[in-house]
Amino acid sequence: MMEWDMMLSKYKGSRITVWIEDLSGEEQTQPKPFTLFKTALTEDRAYLKFYFNAAQFLSVPLFDESLTRLERSQARNCFVSHDPHANLCYHIYFEERV
């Protein structure tokens, strides 16, 4: 299991863009900008919480490397997690290089 909280902690304070894609095609959400306050794993290590401030966060489910991964591109890195149970795909784009 990847240590996602350790790996992504370097982005603390960076600008991020969050987009939750509905794979059923029903409701499409718009990407939203935030500043990453911190990341934290849940106790059972099933979710990674992306905090936007001390109280507000988004919980993203974690799976194996086939569904949860960090996609690196020249423009920006993106944390992606496909949740087949909820038919959602979480995209966290890191807007700053660190």
C-alpha atoms as a PDB file:
ATOM      1  CA  MET A   1       0.000   0.000   0.000  1.00  0.00           C
ATOM      2  CA  MET A   2       1.394   3.380  -0.966  1.00  0.00           C
ATOM      3  CA  GLU A   3       2.064   5.944   1.746  1.00  0.00           C
ATOM      4  CA  TRP A   4      -0.094   8.551   0.020  1.00  0.00           C
ATOM      5  CA  ASP A   5      -0.130  10.989   2.931  1.00  0.00           C
ATOM      6  CA  MET A   6       3.682  11.026   3.074  1.00  0.00           C
ATOM      7  CA  MET A   7       4.038  11.226  -0.694  1.00  0.00           C
ATOM      8  CA  LEU A   8       1.605  14.117  -1.108  1.00  0.00           C
ATOM      9  CA  SER A   9       2.560  16.049   2.039  1.00  0.00           C
ATOM     10  CA  LYS A  10       5.112  18.022  -0.019  1.00  0.00           C
ATOM     11  CA  TYR A  11       2.165  19.730  -1.752  1.00  0.00           C
ATOM     12  CA  LYS A  12       0.945  21.273   1.534  1.00  0.00           C
ATOM     13  CA  GLY A  13       0.170  24.939   0.868  1.00  0.00           C
ATOM     14  CA  SER A  14       0.051  24.413  -2.916  1.00  0.00           C
ATOM     15  CA  ARG A  15      -2.811  25.346  -5.171  1.00  0.00           C
ATOM     16  CA  ILE A  16      -4.872  22.335  -6.251  1.00  0.00           C
ATOM     17  CA  THR A  17      -7.885  21.773  -8.478  1.00  0.00           C
ATOM     18  CA  VAL A  18     -10.436  19.160  -7.422  1.00  0.00           C
ATOM     19  CA  TRP A  19     -12.699  17.481  -9.929  1.00  0.00           C
ATOM     20  CA  ILE A  20     -15.038  14.588  -9.130  1.00  0.00           C
ATOM     21  CA  GLU A  21     -16.091  12.953 -12.371  1.00  0.00           C
ATOM     22  CA  ASP A  22     -19.407  11.092 -12.440  1.00  0.00           C
ATOM     23  CA  LEU A  23     -18.732   8.094 -14.665  1.00  0.00           C
ATOM     24  CA  SER A  24     -22.433   7.322 -15.001  1.00  0.00           C
ATOM     25  CA  GLY A  25     -22.574  10.462 -17.142  1.00  0.00           C
ATOM     26  CA  GLU A  26     -25.472  11.908 -15.227  1.00  0.00           C
ATOM     27  CA  GLU A  27     -24.310  14.985 -13.373  1.00  0.00           C
ATOM     28  CA  GLN A  28     -21.084  16.653 -14.400  1.00  0.00           C
ATOM     29  CA  THR A  29     -19.366  18.775 -11.804  1.00  0.00           C
ATOM     30  CA  GLN A  30     -17.009  21.650 -12.465  1.00  0.00           C
ATOM     31  CA  PRO A  31     -13.408  21.559 -11.247  1.00  0.00           C
ATOM     32  CA  LYS A  32     -12.932  23.721  -8.149  1.00  0.00           C
ATOM     33  CA  PRO A  33      -9.717  25.444  -6.990  1.00  0.00           C
ATOM     34  CA  PHE A  34      -8.480  25.112  -3.406  1.00  0.00           C
ATOM     35  CA  THR A  35      -5.291  25.461  -1.432  1.00  0.00           C
ATOM     36  CA  LEU A  36      -4.124  22.186   0.089  1.00  0.00           C
ATOM     37  CA  PHE A  37      -4.005  22.655   3.865  1.00  0.00           C
ATOM     38  CA  LYS A  38      -2.793  19.086   4.544  1.00  0.00           C
ATOM     39  CA  THR A  39      -3.418  15.421   3.730  1.00  0.00           C
ATOM     40  CA  ALA A  40      -4.183  12.634   6.199  1.00  0.00           C
ATOM     41  CA  LEU A  41      -5.010   8.940   5.975  1.00  0.00           C
ATOM     42  CA  THR A  42      -8.047   7.624   7.812  1.00  0.00           C
ATOM     43  CA  GLU A  43      -7.308   5.190  10.625  1.00  0.00           C
ATOM     44  CA  ASP A  44      -8.289   2.189   8.508  1.00  0.00           C
ATOM     45  CA  ARG A  45      -6.141   3.559   5.636  1.00  0.00           C
ATOM     46  CA  ALA A  46      -9.094   3.226   3.249  1.00  0.00           C
ATOM     47  CA  TYR A  47      -9.363   6.954   2.492  1.00  0.00           C
ATOM     48  CA  LEU A  48      -7.055   9.907   2.007  1.00  0.00           C
ATOM     49  CA  LYS A  49      -8.413  13.198   3.308  1.00  0.00           C
ATOM     50  CA  PHE A  50      -7.483  16.328   1.368  1.00  0.00           C
ATOM     51  CA  TYR A  51      -7.969  19.247   3.789  1.00  0.00           C
ATOM     52  CA  PHE A  52      -8.820  22.700   2.425  1.00  0.00           C
ATOM     53  CA  ASN A  53      -8.605  24.265   5.899  1.00  0.00           C
ATOM     54  CA  ALA A  54      -8.487  22.936   9.462  1.00  0.00           C
ATOM     55  CA  ALA A  55     -12.077  21.640   9.310  1.00  0.00           C
ATOM     56  CA  GLN A  56     -13.120  21.054   5.667  1.00  0.00           C
ATOM     57  CA  PHE A  57     -11.844  18.106   3.681  1.00  0.00           C
ATOM     58  CA  LEU A  58     -12.625  15.727   0.854  1.00  0.00           C
ATOM     59  CA  SER A  59     -12.247  11.997   1.559  1.00  0.00           C
ATOM     60  CA  VAL A  60     -10.980  10.088  -1.467  1.00  0.00           C
ATOM     61  CA  PRO A  61     -11.178   6.275  -1.399  1.00  0.00           C
ATOM     62  CA  LEU A  62      -7.898   4.431  -1.902  1.00  0.00           C
ATOM     63  CA  PHE A  63      -7.502   1.285  -3.965  1.00  0.00           C
ATOM     64  CA  ASP A  64      -4.591  -0.621  -5.501  1.00  0.00           C
ATOM     65  CA  GLU A  65      -2.354   0.863  -8.210  1.00  0.00           C
ATOM     66  CA  SER A  66      -4.758  -0.128 -10.990  1.00  0.00           C
ATOM     67  CA  LEU A  67      -7.373   2.309  -9.621  1.00  0.00           C
ATOM     68  CA  THR A  68      -5.435   4.823  -7.497  1.00  0.00           C
ATOM     69  CA  ARG A  69      -2.288   6.467  -8.825  1.00  0.00           C
ATOM     70  CA  LEU A  70      -0.314   9.643  -9.326  1.00  0.00           C
ATOM     71  CA  GLU A  71      -0.223  10.626 -12.981  1.00  0.00           C
ATOM     72  CA  ARG A  72       2.754  12.787 -13.825  1.00  0.00           C
ATOM     73  CA  SER A  73       2.813  15.103 -16.807  1.00  0.00           C
ATOM     74  CA  GLN A  74       4.980  18.027 -17.816  1.00  0.00           C
ATOM     75  CA  ALA A  75       2.196  20.472 -17.005  1.00  0.00           C
ATOM     76  CA  ARG A  76       1.196  19.155 -13.564  1.00  0.00           C
ATOM     77  CA  ASN A  77       0.822  16.025 -11.483  1.00  0.00           C
ATOM     78  CA  CYS A  78      -2.609  14.581 -10.803  1.00  0.00           C
ATOM     79  CA  PHE A  79      -3.738  12.189  -8.062  1.00  0.00           C
ATOM     80  CA  VAL A  80      -6.456   9.978  -9.568  1.00  0.00           C
ATOM     81  CA  SER A  81      -8.674   7.444  -7.815  1.00  0.00           C
ATOM     82  CA  HIS A  82     -11.386   5.475  -9.616  1.00  0.00           C
ATOM     83  CA  ASP A  83     -14.175   4.279  -7.339  1.00  0.00           C
ATOM     84  CA  PRO A  84     -15.983   1.520  -9.254  1.00  0.00           C
ATOM     85  CA  HIS A  85     -18.561   1.071  -6.458  1.00  0.00           C
ATOM     86  CA  ALA A  86     -19.735   4.699  -6.590  1.00  0.00           C
ATOM     87  CA  ASN A  87     -19.026   5.078 -10.326  1.00  0.00           C
ATOM     88  CA  LEU A  88     -16.908   8.163  -9.584  1.00  0.00           C
ATOM     89  CA  CYS A  89     -13.408   9.230 -10.498  1.00  0.00           C
ATOM     90  CA  TYR A  90     -11.581  11.689  -8.242  1.00  0.00           C
ATOM     91  CA  HIS A  91      -8.975  13.995  -9.807  1.00  0.00           C
ATOM     92  CA  ILE A  92      -6.745  16.182  -7.629  1.00  0.00           C
ATOM     93  CA  TYR A  93      -4.537  18.341  -9.859  1.00  0.00           C
ATOM     94  CA  PHE A  94      -1.457  19.869  -8.252  1.00  0.00           C
ATOM     95  CA  GLU A  95      -1.074  23.271  -9.872  1.00  0.00           C
ATOM     96  CA  GLU A  96       2.392  23.975  -8.485  1.00  0.00           C
ATOM     97  CA  ARG A  97       5.627  22.072  -8.881  1.00  0.00           C
ATOM     98  CA  VAL A  98       7.282  21.171  -5.594  1.00  0.00           C
END
